[in-house]
Amino acid sequence: MTKDQIALMAHNYKQRIKALDLAISKLNHALINATDQFTLEIMRAEYSDKLHSLNIDKEYKIAFEGGGWNTTRATNDEDALKFAKAEFDSEHTKVKTVFLSESIPNNF
C-alpha cells in the first residue's frame, strides 16, 4: 500500500472505532442484549488491530531487471522501493519492482 492509501485507511478505521465506542457506551446505558454489545466490542478490537497493523514493517519482495529477487522490510510501497534501490541498485543490478511478499504481481 502507498502512504496515501495507508493514511486513508487509518482515517477510516479511526472513524469506525469512534462510532463503535459511541454505540458501545450507549448500549452500556440501555439494558440491551449482551450479545449485541459483545459483537460491537469484537468489531472494535478488529478495527484497532487493523489500525495498528498499518504502521508495522512488512516483508516486501524485490524483483530485479533481468531476473532474481531479494527481500526488504518497510511499512509502505514507497519506502520499500526506496530501501531496495538504496541497498541493491548498482552497475550490475537494477531494482525492477517491489511487492508485498504475500502477493504476486502480474508482471513478475
PDB file of N, CA and C in Angstrom:
ATOM      1  N   MET A   1       0.829  -1.183   0.000  1.00  0.00           N
ATOM      2  CA  MET A   1       0.000   0.000   0.000  1.00  0.00           C
ATOM      3  C   MET A   1       0.875   1.250   0.000  1.00  0.00           C
ATOM      4  N   THR A   2       0.360   2.271  -0.638  1.00  0.00           N
ATOM      5  CA  THR A   2       1.087   3.543  -0.654  1.00  0.00           C
ATOM      6  C   THR A   2       0.828   4.298   0.647  1.00  0.00           C
ATOM      7  N   LYS A   3       1.623   5.337   0.870  1.00  0.00           N
ATOM      8  CA  LYS A   3       1.427   6.159   2.067  1.00  0.00           C
ATOM      9  C   LYS A   3       0.033   6.780   2.078  1.00  0.00           C
ATOM     10  N   ASP A   4      -0.453   7.238   0.925  1.00  0.00           N
ATOM     11  CA  ASP A   4      -1.789   7.837   0.846  1.00  0.00           C
ATOM     12  C   ASP A   4      -2.877   6.812   1.158  1.00  0.00           C
ATOM     13  N   GLN A   5      -2.735   5.604   0.649  1.00  0.00           N
ATOM     14  CA  GLN A   5      -3.714   4.557   0.934  1.00  0.00           C
ATOM     15  C   GLN A   5      -3.727   4.217   2.422  1.00  0.00           C
ATOM     16  N   ILE A   6      -2.550   4.158   3.030  1.00  0.00           N
ATOM     17  CA  ILE A   6      -2.449   3.870   4.460  1.00  0.00           C
ATOM     18  C   ILE A   6      -3.106   4.982   5.266  1.00  0.00           C
ATOM     19  N   ALA A   7      -2.863   6.234   4.893  1.00  0.00           N
ATOM     20  CA  ALA A   7      -3.459   7.366   5.613  1.00  0.00           C
ATOM     21  C   ALA A   7      -4.986   7.322   5.517  1.00  0.00           C
ATOM     22  N   LEU A   8      -5.520   7.020   4.338  1.00  0.00           N
ATOM     23  CA  LEU A   8      -6.963   6.938   4.167  1.00  0.00           C
ATOM     24  C   LEU A   8      -7.553   5.799   4.995  1.00  0.00           C
ATOM     25  N   MET A   9      -6.909   4.640   4.951  1.00  0.00           N
ATOM     26  CA  MET A   9      -7.403   3.507   5.740  1.00  0.00           C
ATOM     27  C   MET A   9      -7.338   3.810   7.228  1.00  0.00           C
ATOM     28  N   ALA A  10      -6.262   4.452   7.680  1.00  0.00           N
ATOM     29  CA  ALA A  10      -6.134   4.805   9.099  1.00  0.00           C
ATOM     30  C   ALA A  10      -7.266   5.748   9.502  1.00  0.00           C
ATOM     31  N   HIS A  11      -7.554   6.740   8.662  1.00  0.00           N
ATOM     32  CA  HIS A  11      -8.646   7.672   8.951  1.00  0.00           C
ATOM     33  C   HIS A  11      -9.969   6.917   9.066  1.00  0.00           C
ATOM     34  N   ASN A  12     -10.244   6.035   8.109  1.00  0.00           N
ATOM     35  CA  ASN A  12     -11.498   5.277   8.124  1.00  0.00           C
ATOM     36  C   ASN A  12     -11.599   4.372   9.349  1.00  0.00           C
ATOM     37  N   TYR A  13     -10.509   3.695   9.698  1.00  0.00           N
ATOM     38  CA  TYR A  13     -10.522   2.836  10.884  1.00  0.00           C
ATOM     39  C   TYR A  13     -10.773   3.657  12.147  1.00  0.00           C
ATOM     40  N   LYS A  14     -10.142   4.824  12.253  1.00  0.00           N
ATOM     41  CA  LYS A  14     -10.350   5.681  13.427  1.00  0.00           C
ATOM     42  C   LYS A  14     -11.808   6.131  13.525  1.00  0.00           C
ATOM     43  N   GLN A  15     -12.428   6.464  12.396  1.00  0.00           N
ATOM     44  CA  GLN A  15     -13.833   6.871  12.392  1.00  0.00           C
ATOM     45  C   GLN A  15     -14.728   5.712  12.837  1.00  0.00           C
ATOM     46  N   ARG A  16     -14.441   4.519  12.361  1.00  0.00           N
ATOM     47  CA  ARG A  16     -15.243   3.353  12.735  1.00  0.00           C
ATOM     48  C   ARG A  16     -15.079   3.032  14.216  1.00  0.00           C
ATOM     49  N   ILE A  17     -13.851   3.130  14.720  1.00  0.00           N
ATOM     50  CA  ILE A  17     -13.603   2.884  16.142  1.00  0.00           C
ATOM     51  C   ILE A  17     -14.367   3.896  16.986  1.00  0.00           C
ATOM     52  N   LYS A  18     -14.338   5.154  16.579  1.00  0.00           N
ATOM     53  CA  LYS A  18     -15.053   6.210  17.300  1.00  0.00           C
ATOM     54  C   LYS A  18     -16.556   5.925  17.323  1.00  0.00           C
ATOM     55  N   ALA A  19     -17.122   5.525  16.173  1.00  0.00           N
ATOM     56  CA  ALA A  19     -18.548   5.212  16.103  1.00  0.00           C
ATOM     57  C   ALA A  19     -18.886   4.003  16.976  1.00  0.00           C
ATOM     58  N   LEU A  20     -18.021   2.992  16.958  1.00  0.00           N
ATOM     59  CA  LEU A  20     -18.267   1.808  17.794  1.00  0.00           C
ATOM     60  C   LEU A  20     -18.174   2.146  19.274  1.00  0.00           C
ATOM     61  N   ASP A  21     -17.203   3.009  19.641  1.00  0.00           N
ATOM     62  CA  ASP A  21     -17.103   3.436  21.040  1.00  0.00           C
ATOM     63  C   ASP A  21     -18.392   4.112  21.491  1.00  0.00           C
ATOM     64  N   LEU A  22     -18.944   4.968  20.636  1.00  0.00           N
ATOM     65  CA  LEU A  22     -20.195   5.657  20.959  1.00  0.00           C
ATOM     66  C   LEU A  22     -21.337   4.659  21.091  1.00  0.00           C
ATOM     67  N   ALA A  23     -21.434   3.732  20.153  1.00  0.00           N
ATOM     68  CA  ALA A  23     -22.501   2.735  20.202  1.00  0.00           C
ATOM     69  C   ALA A  23     -22.387   1.867  21.454  1.00  0.00           C
ATOM     70  N   ILE A  24     -21.182   1.467  21.801  1.00  0.00           N
ATOM     71  CA  ILE A  24     -20.969   0.633  22.996  1.00  0.00           C
ATOM     72  C   ILE A  24     -21.351   1.402  24.253  1.00  0.00           C
ATOM     73  N   SER A  25     -20.974   2.681  24.311  1.00  0.00           N
ATOM     74  CA  SER A  25     -21.315   3.471  25.505  1.00  0.00           C
ATOM     75  C   SER A  25     -22.832   3.639  25.628  1.00  0.00           C
ATOM     76  N   LYS A  26     -23.526   3.797  24.492  1.00  0.00           N
ATOM     77  CA  LYS A  26     -24.991   3.909  24.519  1.00  0.00           C
ATOM     78  C   LYS A  26     -25.610   2.591  24.976  1.00  0.00           C
ATOM     79  N   LEU A  27     -25.042   1.468  24.540  1.00  0.00           N
ATOM     80  CA  LEU A  27     -25.564   0.170  24.956  1.00  0.00           C
ATOM     81  C   LEU A  27     -25.341  -0.073  26.443  1.00  0.00           C
ATOM     82  N   ASN A  28     -24.253   0.465  26.975  1.00  0.00           N
ATOM     83  CA  ASN A  28     -23.972   0.300  28.389  1.00  0.00           C
ATOM     84  C   ASN A  28     -25.045   0.987  29.242  1.00  0.00           C
ATOM     85  N   HIS A  29     -25.613   2.085  28.724  1.00  0.00           N
ATOM     86  CA  HIS A  29     -26.631   2.825  29.472  1.00  0.00           C
ATOM     87  C   HIS A  29     -28.023   2.240  29.279  1.00  0.00           C
ATOM     88  N   ALA A  30     -28.223   1.535  28.194  1.00  0.00           N
ATOM     89  CA  ALA A  30     -29.506   0.868  27.959  1.00  0.00           C
ATOM     90  C   ALA A  30     -29.308  -0.615  28.238  1.00  0.00           C
ATOM     91  N   LEU A  31     -30.285  -1.212  28.832  1.00  0.00           N
ATOM     92  CA  LEU A  31     -30.162  -2.637  29.128  1.00  0.00           C
ATOM     93  C   LEU A  31     -30.523  -3.416  27.867  1.00  0.00           C
ATOM     94  N   ILE A  32     -29.531  -3.527  26.973  1.00  0.00           N
ATOM     95  CA  ILE A  32     -29.699  -4.163  25.663  1.00  0.00           C
ATOM     96  C   ILE A  32     -29.064  -5.544  25.711  1.00  0.00           C
ATOM     97  N   ASN A  33     -29.392  -6.336  24.743  1.00  0.00           N
ATOM     98  CA  ASN A  33     -28.870  -7.683  24.598  1.00  0.00           C
ATOM     99  C   ASN A  33     -27.337  -7.670  24.708  1.00  0.00           C
ATOM    100  N   ALA A  34     -26.796  -8.469  25.599  1.00  0.00           N
ATOM    101  CA  ALA A  34     -25.346  -8.526  25.810  1.00  0.00           C
ATOM    102  C   ALA A  34     -24.621  -9.041  24.580  1.00  0.00           C
ATOM    103  N   THR A  35     -25.294  -9.844  23.770  1.00  0.00           N
ATOM    104  CA  THR A  35     -24.676 -10.357  22.544  1.00  0.00           C
ATOM    105  C   THR A  35     -24.360  -9.233  21.578  1.00  0.00           C
ATOM    106  N   ASP A  36     -25.275  -8.255  21.461  1.00  0.00           N
ATOM    107  CA  ASP A  36     -25.031  -7.111  20.585  1.00  0.00           C
ATOM    108  C   ASP A  36     -23.828  -6.309  21.056  1.00  0.00           C
ATOM    109  N   GLN A  37     -23.748  -6.083  22.343  1.00  0.00           N
ATOM    110  CA  GLN A  37     -22.621  -5.334  22.892  1.00  0.00           C
ATOM    111  C   GLN A  37     -21.318  -6.099  22.666  1.00  0.00           C
ATOM    112  N   PHE A  38     -21.337  -7.386  22.885  1.00  0.00           N
ATOM    113  CA  PHE A  38     -20.149  -8.216  22.685  1.00  0.00           C
ATOM    114  C   PHE A  38     -19.703  -8.164  21.228  1.00  0.00           C
ATOM    115  N   THR A  39     -20.655  -8.229  20.303  1.00  0.00           N
ATOM    116  CA  THR A  39     -20.343  -8.158  18.869  1.00  0.00           C
ATOM    117  C   THR A  39     -19.685  -6.833  18.526  1.00  0.00           C
ATOM    118  N   LEU A  40     -20.222  -5.741  19.048  1.00  0.00           N
ATOM    119  CA  LEU A  40     -19.630  -4.418  18.795  1.00  0.00           C
ATOM    120  C   LEU A  40     -18.215  -4.335  19.371  1.00  0.00           C
ATOM    121  N   GLU A  41     -18.000  -4.909  20.540  1.00  0.00           N
ATOM    122  CA  GLU A  41     -16.669  -4.880  21.145  1.00  0.00           C
ATOM    123  C   GLU A  41     -15.667  -5.699  20.322  1.00  0.00           C
ATOM    124  N   ILE A  42     -16.113  -6.794  19.751  1.00  0.00           N
ATOM    125  CA  ILE A  42     -15.248  -7.590  18.871  1.00  0.00           C
ATOM    126  C   ILE A  42     -14.906  -6.783  17.623  1.00  0.00           C
ATOM    127  N   MET A  43     -15.912  -6.119  17.041  1.00  0.00           N
ATOM    128  CA  MET A  43     -15.657  -5.290  15.855  1.00  0.00           C
ATOM    129  C   MET A  43     -14.647  -4.189  16.176  1.00  0.00           C
ATOM    130  N   ARG A  44     -14.791  -3.563  17.346  1.00  0.00           N
ATOM    131  CA  ARG A  44     -13.858  -2.510  17.742  1.00  0.00           C
ATOM    132  C   ARG A  44     -12.444  -3.062  17.850  1.00  0.00           C
ATOM    133  N   ALA A  45     -12.297  -4.222  18.449  1.00  0.00           N
ATOM    134  CA  ALA A  45     -10.977  -4.845  18.593  1.00  0.00           C
ATOM    135  C   ALA A  45     -10.375  -5.163  17.223  1.00  0.00           C
ATOM    136  N   GLU A  46     -11.210  -5.640  16.297  1.00  0.00           N
ATOM    137  CA  GLU A  46     -10.712  -5.940  14.950  1.00  0.00           C
ATOM    138  C   GLU A  46     -10.208  -4.678  14.253  1.00  0.00           C
ATOM    139  N   TYR A  47     -10.963  -3.577  14.337  1.00  0.00           N
ATOM    140  CA  TYR A  47     -10.519  -2.332  13.710  1.00  0.00           C
ATOM    141  C   TYR A  47      -9.275  -1.776  14.394  1.00  0.00           C
ATOM    142  N   SER A  48      -9.176  -1.932  15.695  1.00  0.00           N
ATOM    143  CA  SER A  48      -7.974  -1.480  16.396  1.00  0.00           C
ATOM    144  C   SER A  48      -6.750  -2.256  15.932  1.00  0.00           C
ATOM    145  N   ASP A  49      -6.899  -3.559  15.758  1.00  0.00           N
ATOM    146  CA  ASP A  49      -5.800  -4.387  15.259  1.00  0.00           C
ATOM    147  C   ASP A  49      -5.403  -3.987  13.842  1.00  0.00           C
ATOM    148  N   LYS A  50      -6.409  -3.740  12.983  1.00  0.00           N
ATOM    149  CA  LYS A  50      -6.117  -3.319  11.613  1.00  0.00           C
ATOM    150  C   LYS A  50      -5.392  -1.980  11.592  1.00  0.00           C
ATOM    151  N   LEU A  51      -5.831  -1.053  12.436  1.00  0.00           N
ATOM    152  CA  LEU A  51      -5.182   0.256  12.514  1.00  0.00           C
ATOM    153  C   LEU A  51      -3.722   0.098  12.931  1.00  0.00           C
ATOM    154  N   HIS A  52      -3.479  -0.733  13.927  1.00  0.00           N
ATOM    155  CA  HIS A  52      -2.112  -0.974  14.392  1.00  0.00           C
ATOM    156  C   HIS A  52      -1.262  -1.607  13.284  1.00  0.00           C
ATOM    157  N   SER A  53      -1.824  -2.544  12.533  1.00  0.00           N
ATOM    158  CA  SER A  53      -1.043  -3.264  11.527  1.00  0.00           C
ATOM    159  C   SER A  53      -0.644  -2.386  10.340  1.00  0.00           C
ATOM    160  N   LEU A  54      -1.315  -1.253  10.155  1.00  0.00           N
ATOM    161  CA  LEU A  54      -0.952  -0.359   9.047  1.00  0.00           C
ATOM    162  C   LEU A  54       0.453   0.220   9.207  1.00  0.00           C
ATOM    163  N   ASN A  55       0.913   0.353  10.438  1.00  0.00           N
ATOM    164  CA  ASN A  55       2.177   1.032  10.706  1.00  0.00           C
ATOM    165  C   ASN A  55       3.308   0.117  11.155  1.00  0.00           C
ATOM    166  N   ILE A  56       3.169  -1.171  10.888  1.00  0.00           N
ATOM    167  CA  ILE A  56       4.269  -2.074  11.233  1.00  0.00           C
ATOM    168  C   ILE A  56       4.987  -2.502   9.955  1.00  0.00           C
ATOM    169  N   ASP A  57       6.250  -2.833  10.081  1.00  0.00           N
ATOM    170  CA  ASP A  57       7.032  -3.287   8.931  1.00  0.00           C
ATOM    171  C   ASP A  57       6.457  -4.588   8.374  1.00  0.00           C
ATOM    172  N   LYS A  58       6.486  -4.667   7.053  1.00  0.00           N
ATOM    173  CA  LYS A  58       6.068  -5.867   6.341  1.00  0.00           C
ATOM    174  C   LYS A  58       7.209  -6.299   5.427  1.00  0.00           C
ATOM    175  N   GLU A  59       7.218  -7.549   5.061  1.00  0.00           N
ATOM    176  CA  GLU A  59       8.246  -8.035   4.149  1.00  0.00           C
ATOM    177  C   GLU A  59       7.812  -7.772   2.707  1.00  0.00           C
ATOM    178  N   TYR A  60       8.705  -7.156   1.947  1.00  0.00           N
ATOM    179  CA  TYR A  60       8.489  -6.904   0.523  1.00  0.00           C
ATOM    180  C   TYR A  60       9.498  -7.699  -0.281  1.00  0.00           C
ATOM    181  N   LYS A  61       9.047  -8.294  -1.372  1.00  0.00           N
ATOM    182  CA  LYS A  61       9.963  -8.939  -2.309  1.00  0.00           C
ATOM    183  C   LYS A  61      10.424  -7.905  -3.311  1.00  0.00           C
ATOM    184  N   ILE A  62      11.652  -8.022  -3.706  1.00  0.00           N
ATOM    185  CA  ILE A  62      12.262  -7.140  -4.692  1.00  0.00           C
ATOM    186  C   ILE A  62      12.515  -7.964  -5.938  1.00  0.00           C
ATOM    187  N   ALA A  63      12.013  -7.512  -7.082  1.00  0.00           N
ATOM    188  CA  ALA A  63      12.303  -8.165  -8.358  1.00  0.00           C
ATOM    189  C   ALA A  63      13.326  -7.311  -9.099  1.00  0.00           C
ATOM    190  N   PHE A  64      14.338  -7.966  -9.664  1.00  0.00           N
ATOM    191  CA  PHE A  64      15.399  -7.266 -10.375  1.00  0.00           C
ATOM    192  C   PHE A  64      15.207  -7.372 -11.883  1.00  0.00           C
ATOM    193  N   GLU A  65      15.626  -6.344 -12.593  1.00  0.00           N
ATOM    194  CA  GLU A  65      15.638  -6.403 -14.054  1.00  0.00           C
ATOM    195  C   GLU A  65      16.552  -7.551 -14.462  1.00  0.00           C
ATOM    196  N   GLY A  66      16.114  -8.355 -15.396  1.00  0.00           N
ATOM    197  CA  GLY A  66      16.903  -9.494 -15.833  1.00  0.00           C
ATOM    198  C   GLY A  66      16.703 -10.733 -14.986  1.00  0.00           C
ATOM    199  N   GLY A  67      15.899 -10.637 -13.911  1.00  0.00           N
ATOM    200  CA  GLY A  67      15.613 -11.800 -13.077  1.00  0.00           C
ATOM    201  C   GLY A  67      16.255 -11.712 -11.711  1.00  0.00           C
ATOM    202  N   GLY A  68      15.807 -12.551 -10.849  1.00  0.00           N
ATOM    203  CA  GLY A  68      16.307 -12.619  -9.482  1.00  0.00           C
ATOM    204  C   GLY A  68      15.411 -11.844  -8.526  1.00  0.00           C
ATOM    205  N   TRP A  69      15.580 -12.138  -7.251  1.00  0.00           N
ATOM    206  CA  TRP A  69      14.783 -11.454  -6.247  1.00  0.00           C
ATOM    207  C   TRP A  69      15.527 -11.427  -4.923  1.00  0.00           C
ATOM    208  N   ASN A  70      15.026 -10.591  -4.023  1.00  0.00           N
ATOM    209  CA  ASN A  70      15.525 -10.486  -2.660  1.00  0.00           C
ATOM    210  C   ASN A  70      14.382  -9.934  -1.834  1.00  0.00           C
ATOM    211  N   THR A  71      14.635  -9.578  -0.588  1.00  0.00           N
ATOM    212  CA  THR A  71      13.585  -9.011   0.254  1.00  0.00           C
ATOM    213  C   THR A  71      14.080  -7.785   0.996  1.00  0.00           C
ATOM    214  N   THR A  72      13.135  -6.981   1.427  1.00  0.00           N
ATOM    215  CA  THR A  72      13.392  -5.840   2.289  1.00  0.00           C
ATOM    216  C   THR A  72      12.186  -5.674   3.198  1.00  0.00           C
ATOM    217  N   ARG A  73      12.315  -4.844   4.200  1.00  0.00           N
ATOM    218  CA  ARG A  73      11.199  -4.588   5.117  1.00  0.00           C
ATOM    219  C   ARG A  73      10.878  -3.102   5.095  1.00  0.00           C
ATOM    220  N   ALA A  74       9.571  -2.790   5.108  1.00  0.00           N
ATOM    221  CA  ALA A  74       9.117  -1.402   5.114  1.00  0.00           C
ATOM    222  C   ALA A  74       7.648  -1.372   5.526  1.00  0.00           C
ATOM    223  N   THR A  75       7.147  -0.162   5.809  1.00  0.00           N
ATOM    224  CA  THR A  75       5.739  -0.023   6.178  1.00  0.00           C
ATOM    225  C   THR A  75       4.848   0.297   4.992  1.00  0.00           C
ATOM    226  N   ASN A  76       5.452   0.716   3.860  1.00  0.00           N
ATOM    227  CA  ASN A  76       4.643   1.082   2.694  1.00  0.00           C
ATOM    228  C   ASN A  76       5.442   0.847   1.415  1.00  0.00           C
ATOM    229  N   ASP A  77       4.735   0.922   0.279  1.00  0.00           N
ATOM    230  CA  ASP A  77       5.347   0.629  -1.017  1.00  0.00           C
ATOM    231  C   ASP A  77       6.483   1.592  -1.362  1.00  0.00           C
ATOM    232  N   GLU A  78       6.255   2.889  -1.113  1.00  0.00           N
ATOM    233  CA  GLU A  78       7.280   3.877  -1.474  1.00  0.00           C
ATOM    234  C   GLU A  78       8.586   3.649  -0.716  1.00  0.00           C
ATOM    235  N   ASP A  79       8.480   3.418   0.589  1.00  0.00           N
ATOM    236  CA  ASP A  79       9.695   3.190   1.380  1.00  0.00           C
ATOM    237  C   ASP A  79      10.373   1.879   0.972  1.00  0.00           C
ATOM    238  N   ALA A  80       9.587   0.853   0.669  1.00  0.00           N
ATOM    239  CA  ALA A  80      10.174  -0.421   0.239  1.00  0.00           C
ATOM    240  C   ALA A  80      11.002  -0.226  -1.026  1.00  0.00           C
ATOM    241  N   LEU A  81      10.474   0.521  -1.986  1.00  0.00           N
ATOM    242  CA  LEU A  81      11.213   0.770  -3.227  1.00  0.00           C
ATOM    243  C   LEU A  81      12.464   1.603  -2.950  1.00  0.00           C
ATOM    244  N   LYS A  82      12.335   2.611  -2.114  1.00  0.00           N
ATOM    245  CA  LYS A  82      13.479   3.457  -1.767  1.00  0.00           C
ATOM    246  C   LYS A  82      14.578   2.637  -1.078  1.00  0.00           C
ATOM    247  N   PHE A  83      14.196   1.815  -0.113  1.00  0.00           N
ATOM    248  CA  PHE A  83      15.178   0.989   0.602  1.00  0.00           C
ATOM    249  C   PHE A  83      15.839  -0.019  -0.340  1.00  0.00           C
ATOM    250  N   ALA A  84      15.022  -0.632  -1.211  1.00  0.00           N
ATOM    251  CA  ALA A  84      15.556  -1.622  -2.151  1.00  0.00           C
ATOM    252  C   ALA A  84      16.570  -0.988  -3.090  1.00  0.00           C
ATOM    253  N   LYS A  85      16.241   0.169  -3.638  1.00  0.00           N
ATOM    254  CA  LYS A  85      17.161   0.842  -4.558  1.00  0.00           C
ATOM    255  C   LYS A  85      18.439   1.274  -3.842  1.00  0.00           C
ATOM    256  N   ALA A  86      18.300   1.770  -2.622  1.00  0.00           N
ATOM    257  CA  ALA A  86      19.476   2.202  -1.867  1.00  0.00           C
ATOM    258  C   ALA A  86      20.419   1.028  -1.585  1.00  0.00           C
ATOM    259  N   GLU A  87      19.846  -0.128  -1.313  1.00  0.00           N
ATOM    260  CA  GLU A  87      20.676  -1.277  -0.961  1.00  0.00           C
ATOM    261  C   GLU A  87      21.187  -2.056  -2.171  1.00  0.00           C
ATOM    262  N   PHE A  88      20.388  -2.172  -3.230  1.00  0.00           N
ATOM    263  CA  PHE A  88      20.729  -3.113  -4.290  1.00  0.00           C
ATOM    264  C   PHE A  88      21.047  -2.507  -5.655  1.00  0.00           C
ATOM    265  N   ASP A  89      20.579  -1.292  -5.951  1.00  0.00           N
ATOM    266  CA  ASP A  89      20.887  -0.723  -7.266  1.00  0.00           C
ATOM    267  C   ASP A  89      22.386  -0.480  -7.409  1.00  0.00           C
ATOM    268  N   SER A  90      22.948  -0.994  -8.494  1.00  0.00           N
ATOM    269  CA  SER A  90      24.373  -0.796  -8.777  1.00  0.00           C
ATOM    270  C   SER A  90      24.556  -0.934 -10.283  1.00  0.00           C
ATOM    271  N   GLU A  91      25.797  -0.952 -10.733  1.00  0.00           N
ATOM    272  CA  GLU A  91      26.016  -1.094 -12.168  1.00  0.00           C
ATOM    273  C   GLU A  91      25.618  -2.490 -12.662  1.00  0.00           C
ATOM    274  N   HIS A  92      25.550  -3.466 -11.745  1.00  0.00           N
ATOM    275  CA  HIS A  92      25.234  -4.846 -12.140  1.00  0.00           C
ATOM    276  C   HIS A  92      23.790  -5.244 -11.836  1.00  0.00           C
ATOM    277  N   THR A  93      23.148  -4.578 -10.911  1.00  0.00           N
ATOM    278  CA  THR A  93      21.761  -4.927 -10.566  1.00  0.00           C
ATOM    279  C   THR A  93      20.905  -3.671 -10.548  1.00  0.00           C
ATOM    280  N   LYS A  94      19.684  -3.804 -11.037  1.00  0.00           N
ATOM    281  CA  LYS A  94      18.702  -2.716 -11.011  1.00  0.00           C
ATOM    282  C   LYS A  94      17.392  -3.277 -10.475  1.00  0.00           C
ATOM    283  N   VAL A  95      16.811  -2.563  -9.509  1.00  0.00           N
ATOM    284  CA  VAL A  95      15.525  -2.964  -8.959  1.00  0.00           C
ATOM    285  C   VAL A  95      14.444  -2.682  -9.995  1.00  0.00           C
ATOM    286  N   LYS A  96      13.636  -3.706 -10.278  1.00  0.00           N
ATOM    287  CA  LYS A  96      12.530  -3.548 -11.229  1.00  0.00           C
ATOM    288  C   LYS A  96      11.258  -3.126 -10.490  1.00  0.00           C
ATOM    289  N   THR A  97      10.933  -3.850  -9.414  1.00  0.00           N
ATOM    290  CA  THR A  97       9.710  -3.569  -8.664  1.00  0.00           C
ATOM    291  C   THR A  97       9.802  -4.170  -7.267  1.00  0.00           C
ATOM    292  N   VAL A  98       8.906  -3.723  -6.398  1.00  0.00           N
ATOM    293  CA  VAL A  98       8.749  -4.333  -5.070  1.00  0.00           C
ATOM    294  C   VAL A  98       7.271  -4.632  -4.868  1.00  0.00           C
ATOM    295  N   PHE A  99       6.999  -5.655  -4.076  1.00  0.00           N
ATOM    296  CA  PHE A  99       5.611  -6.001  -3.767  1.00  0.00           C
ATOM    297  C   PHE A  99       5.587  -6.777  -2.461  1.00  0.00           C
ATOM    298  N   LEU A 100       4.450  -6.712  -1.764  1.00  0.00           N
ATOM    299  CA  LEU A 100       4.318  -7.456  -0.520  1.00  0.00           C
ATOM    300  C   LEU A 100       4.580  -8.931  -0.768  1.00  0.00           C
ATOM    301  N   SER A 101       5.277  -9.554   0.132  1.00  0.00           N
ATOM    302  CA  SER A 101       5.627 -10.972  -0.032  1.00  0.00           C
ATOM    303  C   SER A 101       4.410 -11.863  -0.173  1.00  0.00           C
ATOM    304  N   GLU A 102       3.270 -11.477   0.428  1.00  0.00           N
ATOM    305  CA  GLU A 102       2.073 -12.312   0.340  1.00  0.00           C
ATOM    306  C   GLU A 102       1.412 -12.215  -1.016  1.00  0.00           C
ATOM    307  N   SER A 103       1.762 -11.195  -1.822  1.00  0.00           N
ATOM    308  CA  SER A 103       1.115 -11.019  -3.124  1.00  0.00           C
ATOM    309  C   SER A 103       2.105 -11.261  -4.249  1.00  0.00           C
ATOM    310  N   ILE A 104       1.606 -11.629  -5.406  1.00  0.00           N
ATOM    311  CA  ILE A 104       2.465 -11.821  -6.588  1.00  0.00           C
ATOM    312  C   ILE A 104       1.884 -10.956  -7.696  1.00  0.00           C
ATOM    313  N   PRO A 105       2.635  -9.947  -8.148  1.00  0.00           N
ATOM    314  CA  PRO A 105       2.104  -9.073  -9.189  1.00  0.00           C
ATOM    315  C   PRO A 105       2.045  -9.759 -10.554  1.00  0.00           C
ATOM    316  N   ASN A 106       1.227  -9.222 -11.458  1.00  0.00           N
ATOM    317  CA  ASN A 106       1.068  -9.809 -12.794  1.00  0.00           C
ATOM    318  C   ASN A 106       2.355  -9.746 -13.610  1.00  0.00           C
ATOM    319  N   ASN A 107       3.164  -8.704 -13.413  1.00  0.00           N
ATOM    320  CA  ASN A 107       4.347  -8.512 -14.257  1.00  0.00           C
ATOM    321  C   ASN A 107       5.612  -9.102 -13.660  1.00  0.00           C
ATOM    322  N   PHE A 108       5.510  -9.966 -12.677  1.00  0.00           N
ATOM    323  CA  PHE A 108       6.697 -10.521 -12.016  1.00  0.00           C
ATOM    324  C   PHE A 108       7.314 -11.551 -12.857  1.00  0.00           C
TER     325      PHE A 108
END
